[in-house]
Amino acid sequence: MTTLADVSRLMALDSGLCVVSTVRADGTVQSSLVNAGVLGHPTSKADVLAFVAAGRARKLVNLRARPRLTAVAHAGWEWAAVEGSVQLVGLDDPVAGIDAEALRLLHRSVFTAAGGTHDDWPTFDAVMVAERRTVVLVVPERVYSNG
């Protein structure tokens, strides 16, 4: 049985990268490459796949209207996919119980879960706000692989 730990292992082998696919209003699929990681959901604490999207990203438009996605991580020919519902957390997508400070820390947590490091956290925080970056939390409903 494939788990989020398997997905996380594959992403770690490729700089935290995975491809996420959302559905456009016309039913076609939009895909993009993101840095993602696995971490505990900020309120439920259950493991989720998470990444941060720029406030003007088309994937956010799609996810606000149709909050589901598929993410695929790979290393060589080995791959694993996560399908699930999405919760958005950000300045434009407020969530009860997550204030500005909790959002600031969540941005950092997602960044580090995706393998990121930073020498200047205050600048990182300012960029997250200036670009209205939104945290995308994927609640896994189906996880599978070719392994």
N, C-alpha and C. Protein backbone atom coordinates (compact mmCIF):
# COMPACT_ATOMS: atom_id res chain seq x y z
N MET A 1 0.84 -1.19 0.00
CA MET A 1 0.00 0.00 0.00
C MET A 1 0.88 1.25 0.00
N THR A 2 0.61 2.15 -0.89
CA THR A 2 1.37 3.40 -0.99
C THR A 2 0.83 4.40 0.03
N THR A 3 1.74 5.14 0.66
CA THR A 3 1.36 6.12 1.68
C THR A 3 1.95 7.49 1.35
N LEU A 4 1.54 8.48 2.13
CA LEU A 4 2.14 9.82 1.96
C LEU A 4 3.63 9.79 2.24
N ALA A 5 4.09 8.88 3.10
CA ALA A 5 5.53 8.76 3.36
C ALA A 5 6.26 8.35 2.08
N ASP A 6 5.66 7.49 1.27
CA ASP A 6 6.26 7.10 -0.01
C ASP A 6 6.34 8.30 -0.96
N VAL A 7 5.29 9.09 -1.00
CA VAL A 7 5.26 10.29 -1.83
C VAL A 7 6.34 11.26 -1.36
N SER A 8 6.44 11.45 -0.07
CA SER A 8 7.43 12.35 0.50
C SER A 8 8.85 11.89 0.16
N ARG A 9 9.10 10.59 0.24
CA ARG A 9 10.42 10.04 -0.09
C ARG A 9 10.78 10.35 -1.54
N LEU A 10 9.83 10.16 -2.46
CA LEU A 10 10.10 10.45 -3.87
C LEU A 10 10.35 11.94 -4.11
N MET A 11 9.54 12.79 -3.47
CA MET A 11 9.74 14.24 -3.66
C MET A 11 11.12 14.65 -3.15
N ALA A 12 11.56 14.06 -2.05
CA ALA A 12 12.87 14.41 -1.49
C ALA A 12 14.00 14.06 -2.44
N LEU A 13 13.79 13.05 -3.28
CA LEU A 13 14.81 12.65 -4.25
C LEU A 13 14.90 13.62 -5.42
N ASP A 14 13.90 14.50 -5.57
CA ASP A 14 13.87 15.45 -6.69
C ASP A 14 13.54 16.86 -6.21
N SER A 15 14.26 17.33 -5.20
CA SER A 15 14.15 18.71 -4.70
C SER A 15 12.74 19.09 -4.25
N GLY A 16 11.96 18.13 -3.78
CA GLY A 16 10.60 18.43 -3.31
C GLY A 16 9.60 18.65 -4.42
N LEU A 17 9.97 18.31 -5.65
CA LEU A 17 9.11 18.61 -6.79
C LEU A 17 8.02 17.56 -7.02
N CYS A 18 6.87 18.06 -7.43
CA CYS A 18 5.79 17.20 -7.91
C CYS A 18 4.94 18.01 -8.88
N VAL A 19 4.19 17.31 -9.69
CA VAL A 19 3.28 17.94 -10.64
C VAL A 19 1.89 17.89 -10.04
N VAL A 20 1.22 19.04 -10.00
CA VAL A 20 -0.17 19.07 -9.52
C VAL A 20 -1.08 19.40 -10.70
N SER A 21 -2.22 18.73 -10.71
CA SER A 21 -3.20 18.94 -11.78
C SER A 21 -4.54 19.32 -11.18
N THR A 22 -5.10 20.39 -11.74
CA THR A 22 -6.41 20.89 -11.34
C THR A 22 -7.31 20.89 -12.57
N VAL A 23 -8.59 21.15 -12.34
CA VAL A 23 -9.54 21.16 -13.45
C VAL A 23 -10.01 22.59 -13.70
N ARG A 24 -9.90 23.00 -14.97
CA ARG A 24 -10.38 24.33 -15.38
C ARG A 24 -11.90 24.32 -15.49
N ALA A 25 -12.49 25.50 -15.62
CA ALA A 25 -13.94 25.65 -15.75
C ALA A 25 -14.49 24.88 -16.95
N ASP A 26 -13.69 24.76 -18.02
CA ASP A 26 -14.17 24.05 -19.22
C ASP A 26 -13.96 22.54 -19.14
N GLY A 27 -13.47 22.04 -18.00
CA GLY A 27 -13.29 20.61 -17.80
C GLY A 27 -11.93 20.08 -18.22
N THR A 28 -11.09 20.92 -18.82
CA THR A 28 -9.76 20.48 -19.20
C THR A 28 -8.84 20.53 -17.98
N VAL A 29 -7.72 19.85 -18.09
CA VAL A 29 -6.79 19.74 -16.96
C VAL A 29 -5.66 20.75 -17.11
N GLN A 30 -5.34 21.41 -16.01
CA GLN A 30 -4.22 22.35 -15.93
C GLN A 30 -3.20 21.74 -14.99
N SER A 31 -1.95 21.63 -15.40
CA SER A 31 -0.89 21.04 -14.58
C SER A 31 0.24 22.03 -14.40
N SER A 32 0.91 21.94 -13.26
CA SER A 32 2.08 22.76 -13.01
C SER A 32 3.01 22.05 -12.04
N LEU A 33 4.25 22.47 -12.05
CA LEU A 33 5.27 21.91 -11.18
C LEU A 33 5.37 22.75 -9.92
N VAL A 34 5.38 22.11 -8.76
CA VAL A 34 5.46 22.81 -7.48
C VAL A 34 6.46 22.11 -6.57
N ASN A 35 6.93 22.83 -5.57
CA ASN A 35 7.67 22.22 -4.46
C ASN A 35 6.66 21.92 -3.38
N ALA A 36 6.64 20.69 -2.92
CA ALA A 36 5.65 20.30 -1.92
C ALA A 36 6.30 19.46 -0.83
N GLY A 37 5.57 19.31 0.24
CA GLY A 37 6.04 18.48 1.34
C GLY A 37 4.86 17.90 2.09
N VAL A 38 5.15 17.00 2.98
CA VAL A 38 4.12 16.38 3.83
C VAL A 38 4.30 16.94 5.23
N LEU A 39 3.18 17.36 5.82
CA LEU A 39 3.22 17.88 7.18
C LEU A 39 1.85 17.68 7.83
N GLY A 40 1.79 17.95 9.12
CA GLY A 40 0.52 17.87 9.83
C GLY A 40 -0.37 19.05 9.49
N HIS A 41 -1.64 18.77 9.24
CA HIS A 41 -2.62 19.83 8.98
C HIS A 41 -2.63 20.78 10.18
N PRO A 42 -2.70 22.10 9.94
CA PRO A 42 -2.60 23.05 11.05
C PRO A 42 -3.71 22.94 12.09
N THR A 43 -4.86 22.39 11.75
CA THR A 43 -5.92 22.26 12.75
C THR A 43 -6.22 20.81 13.10
N SER A 44 -6.30 19.92 12.11
CA SER A 44 -6.64 18.52 12.40
C SER A 44 -5.42 17.69 12.80
N LYS A 45 -4.24 18.14 12.42
CA LYS A 45 -2.97 17.47 12.67
C LYS A 45 -2.76 16.21 11.81
N ALA A 46 -3.74 15.82 11.00
CA ALA A 46 -3.57 14.68 10.10
C ALA A 46 -2.57 15.04 9.01
N ASP A 47 -1.81 14.06 8.54
CA ASP A 47 -0.83 14.33 7.49
C ASP A 47 -1.51 14.74 6.19
N VAL A 48 -0.97 15.78 5.57
CA VAL A 48 -1.46 16.29 4.29
C VAL A 48 -0.27 16.59 3.39
N LEU A 49 -0.52 16.65 2.11
CA LEU A 49 0.46 17.16 1.16
C LEU A 49 0.23 18.67 1.10
N ALA A 50 1.30 19.44 1.10
CA ALA A 50 1.14 20.90 1.13
C ALA A 50 2.13 21.58 0.21
N PHE A 51 1.68 22.68 -0.38
CA PHE A 51 2.55 23.55 -1.15
C PHE A 51 1.99 24.96 -1.07
N VAL A 52 2.77 25.93 -1.54
CA VAL A 52 2.37 27.33 -1.52
C VAL A 52 2.25 27.81 -2.96
N ALA A 53 1.16 28.52 -3.24
CA ALA A 53 0.94 29.06 -4.59
C ALA A 53 0.86 30.58 -4.53
N ALA A 54 1.43 31.21 -5.55
CA ALA A 54 1.35 32.67 -5.66
C ALA A 54 -0.10 33.10 -5.80
N GLY A 55 -0.44 34.23 -5.23
CA GLY A 55 -1.81 34.70 -5.18
C GLY A 55 -2.50 34.82 -6.52
N ARG A 56 -1.76 35.02 -7.60
CA ARG A 56 -2.37 35.18 -8.93
C ARG A 56 -2.31 33.89 -9.75
N ALA A 57 -1.92 32.78 -9.14
CA ALA A 57 -1.76 31.52 -9.87
C ALA A 57 -3.11 31.00 -10.38
N ARG A 58 -3.10 30.51 -11.60
CA ARG A 58 -4.33 29.95 -12.20
C ARG A 58 -4.82 28.75 -11.40
N LYS A 59 -3.90 27.99 -10.83
CA LYS A 59 -4.32 26.82 -10.05
C LYS A 59 -5.20 27.23 -8.87
N LEU A 60 -4.98 28.40 -8.31
CA LEU A 60 -5.82 28.87 -7.20
C LEU A 60 -7.23 29.19 -7.69
N VAL A 61 -7.34 29.78 -8.87
CA VAL A 61 -8.66 30.05 -9.45
C VAL A 61 -9.40 28.73 -9.60
N ASN A 62 -8.71 27.73 -10.16
CA ASN A 62 -9.33 26.42 -10.34
C ASN A 62 -9.71 25.79 -9.01
N LEU A 63 -8.81 25.86 -8.03
CA LEU A 63 -9.06 25.21 -6.75
C LEU A 63 -10.15 25.90 -5.94
N ARG A 64 -10.29 27.20 -6.09
CA ARG A 64 -11.38 27.89 -5.39
C ARG A 64 -12.74 27.42 -5.92
N ALA A 65 -12.82 27.15 -7.20
CA ALA A 65 -14.08 26.71 -7.82
C ALA A 65 -14.28 25.20 -7.69
N ARG A 66 -13.17 24.44 -7.78
CA ARG A 66 -13.23 22.98 -7.75
C ARG A 66 -12.09 22.50 -6.87
N PRO A 67 -12.31 22.40 -5.56
CA PRO A 67 -11.23 22.16 -4.60
C PRO A 67 -10.77 20.70 -4.51
N ARG A 68 -10.25 20.19 -5.62
CA ARG A 68 -9.68 18.86 -5.69
C ARG A 68 -8.46 18.91 -6.60
N LEU A 69 -7.49 18.05 -6.34
CA LEU A 69 -6.36 17.96 -7.25
C LEU A 69 -5.72 16.60 -7.17
N THR A 70 -4.86 16.34 -8.15
CA THR A 70 -3.99 15.17 -8.14
C THR A 70 -2.57 15.69 -8.20
N ALA A 71 -1.71 15.11 -7.37
CA ALA A 71 -0.28 15.45 -7.37
C ALA A 71 0.50 14.17 -7.65
N VAL A 72 1.52 14.28 -8.49
CA VAL A 72 2.37 13.14 -8.83
C VAL A 72 3.82 13.51 -8.57
N ALA A 73 4.48 12.67 -7.78
CA ALA A 73 5.91 12.80 -7.53
C ALA A 73 6.61 11.65 -8.23
N HIS A 74 7.87 11.88 -8.64
CA HIS A 74 8.60 10.78 -9.27
C HIS A 74 10.09 10.91 -9.02
N ALA A 75 10.75 9.79 -9.16
CA ALA A 75 12.21 9.73 -9.15
C ALA A 75 12.55 8.64 -10.17
N GLY A 76 13.11 9.06 -11.29
CA GLY A 76 13.33 8.10 -12.38
C GLY A 76 11.98 7.58 -12.85
N TRP A 77 11.86 6.26 -12.93
CA TRP A 77 10.61 5.65 -13.39
C TRP A 77 9.66 5.33 -12.24
N GLU A 78 10.07 5.58 -11.00
CA GLU A 78 9.20 5.32 -9.85
C GLU A 78 8.34 6.56 -9.62
N TRP A 79 7.05 6.37 -9.42
CA TRP A 79 6.15 7.50 -9.19
C TRP A 79 5.09 7.13 -8.16
N ALA A 80 4.51 8.15 -7.58
CA ALA A 80 3.39 7.98 -6.64
C ALA A 80 2.47 9.19 -6.79
N ALA A 81 1.18 8.93 -6.68
CA ALA A 81 0.18 9.99 -6.84
C ALA A 81 -0.67 10.13 -5.59
N VAL A 82 -1.12 11.35 -5.37
CA VAL A 82 -2.04 11.67 -4.28
C VAL A 82 -3.24 12.37 -4.91
N GLU A 83 -4.43 11.87 -4.64
CA GLU A 83 -5.66 12.54 -5.06
C GLU A 83 -6.40 12.94 -3.80
N GLY A 84 -6.98 14.14 -3.82
CA GLY A 84 -7.73 14.52 -2.64
C GLY A 84 -8.39 15.88 -2.74
N SER A 85 -9.13 16.16 -1.69
CA SER A 85 -9.76 17.46 -1.57
C SER A 85 -8.74 18.46 -1.06
N VAL A 86 -9.01 19.73 -1.31
CA VAL A 86 -8.06 20.80 -1.01
C VAL A 86 -8.68 21.81 -0.05
N GLN A 87 -7.86 22.27 0.87
CA GLN A 87 -8.22 23.41 1.70
C GLN A 87 -7.19 24.49 1.43
N LEU A 88 -7.63 25.68 1.15
CA LEU A 88 -6.75 26.82 0.91
C LEU A 88 -6.67 27.66 2.18
N VAL A 89 -5.46 28.14 2.49
CA VAL A 89 -5.24 28.97 3.67
C VAL A 89 -4.36 30.14 3.26
N GLY A 90 -4.91 31.35 3.34
CA GLY A 90 -4.12 32.51 2.97
C GLY A 90 -4.85 33.80 3.21
N LEU A 91 -4.23 34.90 2.84
CA LEU A 91 -4.86 36.20 3.03
C LEU A 91 -6.19 36.30 2.28
N ASP A 92 -6.24 35.68 1.10
CA ASP A 92 -7.48 35.70 0.30
C ASP A 92 -8.36 34.49 0.58
N ASP A 93 -7.89 33.60 1.43
CA ASP A 93 -8.61 32.37 1.77
C ASP A 93 -8.49 32.13 3.28
N PRO A 94 -9.10 33.01 4.07
CA PRO A 94 -8.96 32.88 5.52
C PRO A 94 -9.64 31.61 6.05
N VAL A 95 -9.06 31.08 7.13
CA VAL A 95 -9.60 29.89 7.78
C VAL A 95 -9.73 30.20 9.27
N ALA A 96 -10.87 29.88 9.82
CA ALA A 96 -11.10 30.11 11.25
C ALA A 96 -10.00 29.41 12.06
N GLY A 97 -9.46 30.12 13.03
CA GLY A 97 -8.44 29.56 13.89
C GLY A 97 -7.02 29.74 13.38
N ILE A 98 -6.86 30.29 12.17
CA ILE A 98 -5.53 30.54 11.63
C ILE A 98 -5.39 32.04 11.39
N ASP A 99 -4.76 32.71 12.36
CA ASP A 99 -4.57 34.15 12.26
C ASP A 99 -3.30 34.46 11.48
N ALA A 100 -2.94 35.73 11.41
CA ALA A 100 -1.78 36.17 10.62
C ALA A 100 -0.49 35.50 11.10
N GLU A 101 -0.32 35.37 12.39
CA GLU A 101 0.89 34.73 12.93
C GLU A 101 0.91 33.24 12.59
N ALA A 102 -0.20 32.58 12.73
CA ALA A 102 -0.27 31.15 12.39
C ALA A 102 -0.02 30.94 10.90
N LEU A 103 -0.53 31.85 10.06
CA LEU A 103 -0.30 31.76 8.62
C LEU A 103 1.18 31.96 8.31
N ARG A 104 1.82 32.92 8.96
CA ARG A 104 3.25 33.15 8.77
C ARG A 104 4.05 31.88 9.08
N LEU A 105 3.73 31.25 10.18
CA LEU A 105 4.43 30.03 10.58
C LEU A 105 4.08 28.86 9.66
N LEU A 106 2.85 28.82 9.16
CA LEU A 106 2.45 27.77 8.24
C LEU A 106 3.23 27.88 6.92
N HIS A 107 3.37 29.11 6.40
CA HIS A 107 4.18 29.30 5.20
C HIS A 107 5.58 28.73 5.41
N ARG A 108 6.18 29.02 6.54
CA ARG A 108 7.52 28.53 6.84
C ARG A 108 7.53 27.01 6.94
N SER A 109 6.53 26.44 7.58
CA SER A 109 6.46 24.98 7.75
C SER A 109 6.35 24.27 6.41
N VAL A 110 5.53 24.80 5.53
CA VAL A 110 5.38 24.19 4.20
C VAL A 110 6.70 24.29 3.44
N PHE A 111 7.34 25.44 3.50
CA PHE A 111 8.61 25.65 2.82
C PHE A 111 9.66 24.65 3.30
N THR A 112 9.78 24.48 4.60
CA THR A 112 10.79 23.55 5.12
C THR A 112 10.39 22.10 4.88
N ALA A 113 9.09 21.77 4.91
CA ALA A 113 8.65 20.40 4.61
C ALA A 113 8.97 20.03 3.18
N ALA A 114 9.02 21.04 2.30
CA ALA A 114 9.35 20.81 0.89
C ALA A 114 10.87 20.80 0.67
N GLY A 115 11.63 20.87 1.75
CA GLY A 115 13.09 20.81 1.64
C GLY A 115 13.78 22.14 1.59
N GLY A 116 13.03 23.24 1.74
CA GLY A 116 13.61 24.57 1.65
C GLY A 116 14.34 24.99 2.92
N THR A 117 15.33 25.85 2.73
CA THR A 117 16.02 26.50 3.84
C THR A 117 16.09 27.99 3.50
N HIS A 118 16.26 28.81 4.52
CA HIS A 118 16.29 30.24 4.26
C HIS A 118 17.23 30.93 5.24
N ASP A 119 17.98 31.91 4.74
CA ASP A 119 18.89 32.68 5.58
C ASP A 119 18.26 33.95 6.14
N ASP A 120 17.11 34.34 5.61
CA ASP A 120 16.49 35.60 6.00
C ASP A 120 14.97 35.42 6.10
N TRP A 121 14.52 34.86 7.21
CA TRP A 121 13.09 34.58 7.38
C TRP A 121 12.23 35.83 7.33
N PRO A 122 12.65 36.97 7.86
CA PRO A 122 11.81 38.16 7.74
C PRO A 122 11.52 38.54 6.28
N THR A 123 12.52 38.42 5.42
CA THR A 123 12.30 38.70 4.00
C THR A 123 11.37 37.66 3.40
N PHE A 124 11.56 36.40 3.74
CA PHE A 124 10.66 35.34 3.28
C PHE A 124 9.22 35.66 3.66
N ASP A 125 9.02 36.03 4.93
CA ASP A 125 7.67 36.37 5.41
C ASP A 125 7.07 37.53 4.62
N ALA A 126 7.89 38.55 4.35
CA ALA A 126 7.40 39.72 3.62
C ALA A 126 6.99 39.36 2.18
N VAL A 127 7.75 38.48 1.55
CA VAL A 127 7.43 38.06 0.19
C VAL A 127 6.11 37.27 0.18
N MET A 128 5.91 36.41 1.16
CA MET A 128 4.67 35.63 1.24
C MET A 128 3.45 36.57 1.30
N VAL A 129 3.57 37.64 2.07
CA VAL A 129 2.47 38.61 2.18
C VAL A 129 2.34 39.43 0.91
N ALA A 130 3.46 39.96 0.41
CA ALA A 130 3.43 40.83 -0.78
C ALA A 130 2.86 40.10 -1.99
N GLU A 131 3.17 38.81 -2.12
CA GLU A 131 2.69 38.03 -3.27
C GLU A 131 1.37 37.31 -2.97
N ARG A 132 0.82 37.59 -1.78
CA ARG A 132 -0.46 37.00 -1.36
C ARG A 132 -0.46 35.50 -1.57
N ARG A 133 0.63 34.87 -1.15
CA ARG A 133 0.78 33.43 -1.33
C ARG A 133 -0.20 32.67 -0.45
N THR A 134 -0.72 31.61 -1.00
CA THR A 134 -1.73 30.79 -0.35
C THR A 134 -1.19 29.39 -0.14
N VAL A 135 -1.42 28.84 1.04
CA VAL A 135 -1.05 27.47 1.33
C VAL A 135 -2.15 26.56 0.80
N VAL A 136 -1.74 25.53 0.08
CA VAL A 136 -2.67 24.53 -0.44
C VAL A 136 -2.43 23.25 0.33
N LEU A 137 -3.46 22.81 1.04
CA LEU A 137 -3.40 21.58 1.83
C LEU A 137 -4.24 20.52 1.14
N VAL A 138 -3.62 19.41 0.77
CA VAL A 138 -4.31 18.33 0.08
C VAL A 138 -4.58 17.22 1.07
N VAL A 139 -5.86 16.99 1.35
CA VAL A 139 -6.26 15.91 2.24
C VAL A 139 -6.33 14.64 1.39
N PRO A 140 -5.44 13.69 1.64
CA PRO A 140 -5.37 12.53 0.74
C PRO A 140 -6.59 11.62 0.87
N GLU A 141 -7.18 11.33 -0.28
CA GLU A 141 -8.29 10.39 -0.32
C GLU A 141 -7.87 9.11 -1.03
N ARG A 142 -6.89 9.24 -1.91
CA ARG A 142 -6.35 8.09 -2.63
C ARG A 142 -4.87 8.33 -2.86
N VAL A 143 -4.04 7.37 -2.48
CA VAL A 143 -2.59 7.44 -2.70
C VAL A 143 -2.20 6.13 -3.38
N TYR A 144 -1.51 6.23 -4.52
CA TYR A 144 -1.16 5.02 -5.26
C TYR A 144 0.13 5.23 -6.04
N SER A 145 0.70 4.15 -6.53
CA SER A 145 1.99 4.25 -7.22
C SER A 145 2.15 3.09 -8.20
N ASN A 146 3.28 3.12 -8.88
CA ASN A 146 3.62 2.02 -9.77
C ASN A 146 4.47 0.98 -9.04
N GLY A 147 4.72 1.22 -7.75
CA GLY A 147 5.59 0.31 -6.99
C GLY A 147 4.85 -0.79 -6.29
